[in-house]
Protein backbone atom coordinates (compact mmCIF):
# COMPACT_ATOMS: atom_id res chain seq x y z
CA UNK A 1 25.46 21.00 -6.87
CA UNK A 2 27.07 18.04 -7.07
CA UNK A 3 24.71 15.07 -7.06
CA UNK A 4 24.23 13.23 -3.75
CA UNK A 5 24.26 10.09 -4.00
CA UNK A 6 20.94 8.13 -1.47
CA UNK A 7 22.25 4.97 -2.70
CA UNK A 8 24.46 2.49 -4.92
CA UNK A 9 24.86 -0.76 -3.75
CA UNK A 10 24.29 -4.11 -4.73
CA UNK A 11 20.86 -6.19 -3.34
CA UNK A 12 20.06 -9.89 -3.43
CA UNK A 13 16.61 -10.81 -4.82
CA UNK A 14 13.67 -9.41 -2.35
CA UNK A 15 16.55 -7.33 -0.46
CA UNK A 16 16.13 -4.78 -3.61
CA UNK A 17 12.33 -4.70 -3.58
CA UNK A 18 12.86 -3.94 -0.03
CA UNK A 19 15.05 -1.17 -0.32
CA UNK A 20 12.55 0.35 -2.74
CA UNK A 21 9.50 0.22 -1.26
CA UNK A 22 11.15 1.41 1.91
CA UNK A 23 12.78 4.63 0.25
CA UNK A 24 9.15 5.15 -1.45
CA UNK A 25 6.62 4.72 1.82
CA UNK A 26 9.28 7.15 3.40
CA UNK A 27 8.90 10.10 0.88
CA UNK A 28 4.94 9.20 1.32
CA UNK A 29 5.31 9.12 5.12
CA UNK A 30 6.49 13.07 4.44
CA UNK A 31 3.91 13.97 2.20
CA UNK A 32 1.23 12.84 5.18
CA UNK A 33 2.58 15.56 7.45
CA UNK A 34 3.15 18.05 4.84
CA UNK A 35 -0.38 17.59 4.47
CA UNK A 36 -1.99 17.48 8.16
CA UNK A 37 0.79 20.56 8.24
CA UNK A 38 -1.20 22.61 5.24
CA UNK A 39 -4.75 21.72 6.61
CA UNK A 40 -4.33 22.35 10.30
CA UNK A 41 -2.79 26.29 8.74
CA UNK A 42 -5.89 26.17 6.39
CA UNK A 43 -3.29 26.22 3.20
CA UNK A 44 -3.68 24.33 0.13
CA UNK A 45 -2.47 20.60 0.47
CA UNK A 46 -3.99 19.73 -3.23
CA UNK A 47 -0.41 18.58 -4.76
CA UNK A 48 0.69 16.35 -1.93
CA UNK A 49 -2.17 14.33 -2.34
CA UNK A 50 -2.18 14.28 -5.67
CA UNK A 51 1.72 13.03 -5.49
CA UNK A 52 0.71 10.73 -2.12
CA UNK A 53 -1.68 9.15 -4.41
CA UNK A 54 0.82 8.74 -7.84
CA UNK A 55 3.50 7.14 -5.17
CA UNK A 56 0.94 5.56 -3.82
CA UNK A 57 0.14 3.47 -7.39
CA UNK A 58 3.62 2.98 -7.83
CA UNK A 59 4.79 1.46 -4.81
CA UNK A 60 1.79 -1.24 -5.01
CA UNK A 61 2.02 -1.16 -9.15
CA UNK A 62 5.63 -2.76 -7.99
CA UNK A 63 4.64 -5.09 -5.67
CA UNK A 64 3.01 -6.40 -8.06
CA UNK A 65 5.40 -6.78 -11.24
CA UNK A 66 8.59 -6.68 -9.34
CA UNK A 67 9.96 -9.98 -10.00
CA UNK A 68 12.95 -9.94 -8.08
CA UNK A 69 15.16 -13.64 -8.08
CA UNK A 70 16.57 -14.71 -4.91
CA UNK A 71 19.39 -16.29 -6.28
CA UNK A 72 21.01 -13.12 -8.57
CA UNK A 73 21.75 -9.95 -7.22
CA UNK A 74 20.53 -6.06 -8.30
CA UNK A 75 22.29 -3.39 -8.21
CA UNK A 76 20.40 -0.18 -7.02
CA UNK A 77 21.28 3.59 -7.86
CA UNK A 78 19.28 6.56 -6.87
CA UNK A 79 20.94 10.55 -6.68
CA UNK A 80 19.72 13.48 -5.63
CA UNK A 81 20.46 16.56 -7.53
CA UNK A 82 18.39 20.30 -6.30
CA UNK A 83 19.38 23.63 -8.10
CA UNK A 84 17.85 26.73 -6.71
CA UNK A 85 14.99 27.61 -8.59
CA UNK A 86 14.92 31.31 -7.59
CA UNK A 87 12.49 33.25 -5.65
CA UNK A 88 9.44 31.30 -5.30
CA UNK A 89 9.00 28.26 -3.16
CA UNK A 90 7.92 24.84 -4.71
CA UNK A 91 5.96 21.76 -2.85
CA UNK A 92 7.20 18.37 -2.37
């Protein structure tokens, strides 16, 4: 499968941090919805919770360690690659 270029752009200063933070936040929101849905149906959701907690830590660390200068541009590239893994369903 051909990779999907989700992001392939230059951003100036704080805008670069905003782009990364928003992508992570959307994934966290997706996982929250999956956890709620599974909990309502009595299905396991620990994997979603573990991944959400990991992404929350990454987002928090990014806020502390990412020093984006307003005078500099940053290139952000993000590709999505997916492949069929057989008949087994996978989660987040």
